[in-house]
Protein backbone atom coordinates (compact mmCIF):
# COMPACT_ATOMS: atom_id res chain seq x y z
CA MET A 1 114.05 88.78 100.76
CA LYS A 2 112.91 86.16 103.03
CA PHE A 3 110.03 83.20 102.60
CA GLN A 4 107.86 84.85 103.95
CA GLY A 5 108.08 89.16 103.63
CA LEU A 6 108.05 88.05 99.45
CA ALA A 7 104.65 86.34 100.05
CA GLU A 8 103.64 89.14 101.59
CA GLN A 9 104.47 91.12 98.77
CA LEU A 10 103.25 89.14 95.83
CA SER A 11 99.89 88.78 97.85
CA GLU A 12 99.61 92.16 98.03
CA ALA A 13 100.29 92.76 94.20
CA GLY A 14 97.86 89.90 93.70
CA TYR A 15 94.83 91.85 95.59
CA GLU A 16 95.83 94.51 93.18
CA PHE A 17 95.37 93.02 90.68
CA TYR A 18 91.99 91.23 90.77
CA ARG A 19 90.50 94.35 92.38
CA ARG A 20 91.86 95.91 88.95
CA ASN A 21 90.42 93.33 87.26
CA TRP A 22 93.47 91.65 85.79
CA VAL A 23 94.01 88.07 87.53
CA LEU A 24 89.95 87.00 87.84
CA GLY A 25 89.29 83.90 88.97
CA THR A 26 92.30 81.43 89.82
CA SER A 27 93.87 83.07 86.50
CA GLY A 28 97.58 85.04 87.26
CA ASN A 29 101.25 83.39 88.39
CA PHE A 30 103.61 85.18 90.30
CA SER A 31 106.80 84.51 91.83
CA ALA A 32 110.03 86.53 93.39
CA VAL A 33 113.96 84.76 94.04
CA ILE A 34 114.28 83.99 97.84
CA GLU A 35 118.40 83.41 96.30
CA ARG A 36 120.25 82.55 93.49
CA GLU A 37 122.79 80.18 94.06
CA PRO A 38 121.23 77.60 94.61
CA LEU A 39 118.30 78.95 93.12
CA LYS A 40 115.51 79.30 95.46
CA LEU A 41 111.73 81.56 93.98
CA CYS A 42 108.87 82.26 96.27
CA ILE A 43 105.98 81.44 93.66
CA THR A 44 101.90 81.13 94.07
CA ALA A 45 100.59 77.24 94.31
CA SER A 46 98.38 76.43 91.76
CA GLY A 47 94.68 77.01 92.06
CA ASN A 48 93.80 79.69 94.26
CA ASP A 49 92.30 82.91 93.69
CA LYS A 50 94.92 85.54 93.40
CA GLY A 51 92.17 88.35 95.71
CA ARG A 52 92.21 86.18 98.95
CA LEU A 53 96.62 85.82 99.17
CA ASP A 54 98.01 84.88 101.56
CA GLU A 55 101.63 82.85 102.42
CA THR A 56 100.23 79.55 102.99
CA HIS A 57 99.18 79.75 99.26
CA PHE A 58 103.00 79.85 98.45
CA LEU A 59 105.73 77.32 97.67
CA GLU A 60 109.28 77.37 98.31
CA ILE A 61 111.15 75.60 94.87
CA ASP A 62 114.36 74.93 93.56
CA SER A 63 115.38 74.80 90.07
CA ASN A 64 113.78 71.92 89.34
CA ALA A 65 110.30 73.22 90.38
CA GLU A 66 110.99 70.84 93.56
CA VAL A 67 108.53 71.91 96.46
CA LEU A 68 111.15 72.83 99.52
CA GLN A 69 108.27 74.21 101.58
CA GLY A 70 104.57 75.00 101.67
CA PHE A 71 101.51 72.58 100.61
CA GLY A 72 100.27 72.29 97.10
CA ALA A 73 101.30 72.00 93.63
CA PRO A 74 103.43 74.71 91.92
CA SER A 75 101.68 76.23 88.32
CA ALA A 76 102.05 74.79 84.94
CA GLU A 77 103.23 77.39 83.97
CA THR A 78 106.30 77.46 86.56
CA MET A 79 108.62 76.51 83.62
CA ILE A 80 108.35 79.48 82.06
CA HIS A 81 109.23 81.57 85.42
CA LEU A 82 112.37 79.27 85.58
CA THR A 83 113.19 79.75 81.96
CA ILE A 84 113.24 83.91 82.46
CA TYR A 85 115.39 83.50 85.23
CA GLY A 86 118.28 81.66 84.14
CA PHE A 87 117.66 83.79 80.54
CA LEU A 88 117.73 87.58 82.80
CA PRO A 89 120.18 87.37 85.77
CA ASN A 90 118.79 90.03 87.23
CA VAL A 91 115.68 89.75 86.89
CA GLY A 92 114.41 88.90 90.95
CA SER A 93 110.13 88.92 90.59
CA ILE A 94 108.00 87.83 87.72
CA LEU A 95 104.93 88.74 87.44
CA HIS A 96 101.42 86.77 84.73
CA THR A 97 98.17 88.45 84.94
CA HIS A 98 95.10 87.90 82.27
CA SER A 99 93.89 91.59 81.11
CA VAL A 100 90.23 91.93 78.58
CA TRP A 101 92.73 94.36 76.59
CA GLY A 102 95.75 92.35 76.34
CA THR A 103 94.49 89.71 75.22
CA ILE A 104 92.28 91.64 72.55
CA LEU A 105 95.38 93.75 71.74
CA SER A 106 97.92 89.66 71.58
CA ASP A 107 94.87 88.41 69.26
CA VAL A 108 94.63 91.27 66.67
CA HIS A 109 98.01 92.05 66.04
CA TYR A 110 99.59 88.24 66.31
CA GLN A 111 100.52 88.57 62.65
CA LYS A 112 102.99 90.96 63.27
CA GLY A 113 105.04 89.14 65.80
CA HIS A 114 104.45 92.00 68.44
CA ILE A 115 102.66 94.92 70.08
CA ALA A 116 104.07 97.63 69.01
CA ILE A 117 103.80 100.93 71.56
CA GLU A 118 105.47 104.42 71.34
CA GLY A 119 104.67 108.27 71.79
CA TYR A 120 103.52 107.59 75.37
CA GLU A 121 104.27 109.20 78.91
CA MET A 122 104.49 106.06 80.83
CA LEU A 123 106.16 104.25 79.01
CA LYS A 124 109.19 106.04 80.50
CA GLY A 125 107.59 103.81 83.78
CA LEU A 126 110.18 100.77 82.35
CA ALA A 127 112.98 100.15 83.99
CA GLY A 128 115.92 102.48 81.97
CA ILE A 129 113.35 104.30 79.50
CA LYS A 130 113.96 108.18 79.90
CA THR A 131 111.88 109.60 77.42
CA HIS A 132 108.07 108.71 75.62
CA GLU A 133 109.65 108.89 72.54
CA HIS A 134 110.99 104.59 73.41
CA ARG A 135 109.36 102.20 71.07
CA GLU A 136 108.31 99.38 73.45
CA GLU A 137 107.80 96.04 71.48
CA VAL A 138 106.20 93.26 73.46
CA PRO A 139 107.12 89.68 71.06
CA ILE A 140 103.16 87.86 71.12
CA VAL A 141 103.85 83.64 71.39
CA GLU A 142 101.19 81.28 70.70
CA ASN A 143 99.84 79.87 73.09
CA SER A 144 100.36 75.96 74.09
CA GLN A 145 100.34 73.30 77.13
CA ASP A 146 103.39 72.18 75.80
CA TYR A 147 105.80 73.96 78.36
CA VAL A 148 108.74 73.01 77.35
CA ALA A 149 108.39 73.47 74.08
CA LEU A 150 106.89 76.64 75.16
CA SER A 151 109.36 77.17 77.58
CA HIS A 152 111.94 76.75 74.38
CA VAL A 153 110.21 78.73 72.47
CA ILE A 154 110.66 82.06 75.45
CA GLU A 155 113.79 81.82 75.40
CA ASN A 156 114.14 82.35 71.72
CA VAL A 157 112.14 85.53 71.93
CA LEU A 158 114.25 86.90 74.82
CA ARG A 159 117.38 85.96 72.54
CA GLU A 160 115.82 88.43 70.21
CA ASN A 161 114.75 91.03 71.86
CA PRO A 162 116.62 91.31 75.58
CA THR A 163 115.86 94.82 75.94
CA CYS A 164 111.70 93.67 76.17
CA HIS A 165 109.81 94.01 79.27
CA GLY A 166 107.22 91.26 79.00
CA ILE A 167 106.13 89.23 76.23
CA TYR A 168 102.65 88.03 75.97
CA LEU A 169 100.83 84.62 75.57
CA ARG A 170 98.68 85.00 72.76
CA ARG A 171 94.85 84.88 74.15
CA HIS A 172 96.07 84.19 77.42
CA GLY A 173 98.30 85.88 79.37
CA LEU A 174 101.54 88.88 79.81
CA TYR A 175 104.14 87.59 81.75
CA THR A 176 106.67 91.09 82.64
CA TRP A 177 109.15 90.81 85.32
CA GLY A 178 111.51 93.72 87.66
CA LYS A 179 114.72 93.64 89.32
CA ASP A 180 112.10 93.28 92.80
CA SER A 181 108.69 92.15 93.30
CA ARG A 182 107.67 96.09 93.44
CA GLU A 183 109.31 96.96 90.04
CA ALA A 184 107.64 93.63 88.46
CA GLN A 185 104.06 95.04 89.55
CA ARG A 186 105.07 98.75 88.43
CA HIS A 187 105.80 97.28 84.87
CA ILE A 188 102.65 95.71 84.99
CA GLU A 189 100.83 98.79 86.16
CA ILE A 190 102.20 100.49 83.25
CA PHE A 191 101.62 98.09 80.84
CA GLU A 192 97.84 96.78 81.62
CA PHE A 193 97.27 101.48 81.06
CA LEU A 194 99.11 101.37 77.68
CA PHE A 195 97.14 97.88 76.47
CA GLU A 196 93.35 99.94 77.76
CA VAL A 197 95.35 102.43 75.65
CA LEU A 198 95.40 100.90 72.64
CA GLY A 199 92.53 98.99 72.84
CA ARG A 200 90.37 101.48 73.82
CA ARG A 201 92.11 103.20 70.20
CA LEU A 202 91.50 99.90 68.43
CA SER A 203 87.60 100.12 69.49
CA LEU A 204 86.98 103.77 68.55
CA ARG A 205 88.26 103.07 65.06
């Protein structure tokens, strides 16, 4: 898909995520692959309200995060997107959200190293999952402002968990992905539903 079409799809996702309180303020960032060889991405420019995105808030960048089209600077977390695309060649879109329930769970379960989810029908919304008996473990990574070091950590986590559908930065937010932006958006919706279920169960204890 061309740059403009991807920007429109990601803008729609941003509006929906904002409406559901998953990307308040200027939090979150979204990207999608324009082409693989050479790698070109459509990605949100830094500092924009995700509930009011349009194509002017997106950049086209290359594999070195150099801006090829658009105005503004890429997010400081662009390197994380590039790392995931580099390690998972079938990924066509990456979405990053900041929800209340996920943030709480990433803190509560940090010592375990992951958020474990199993036995819920909604798990079947994740690509390749056919049964509610599946156990999904979302690795939790300590957040850092050193994005070079953080990217190396994430690459190692992906190497150890090649079938995971997402990674959580502790007290920060979720990164998930899909073959395209529609699938990635579905994964966000699935995870955010399940995080809220787990969080509400935790609050009832």
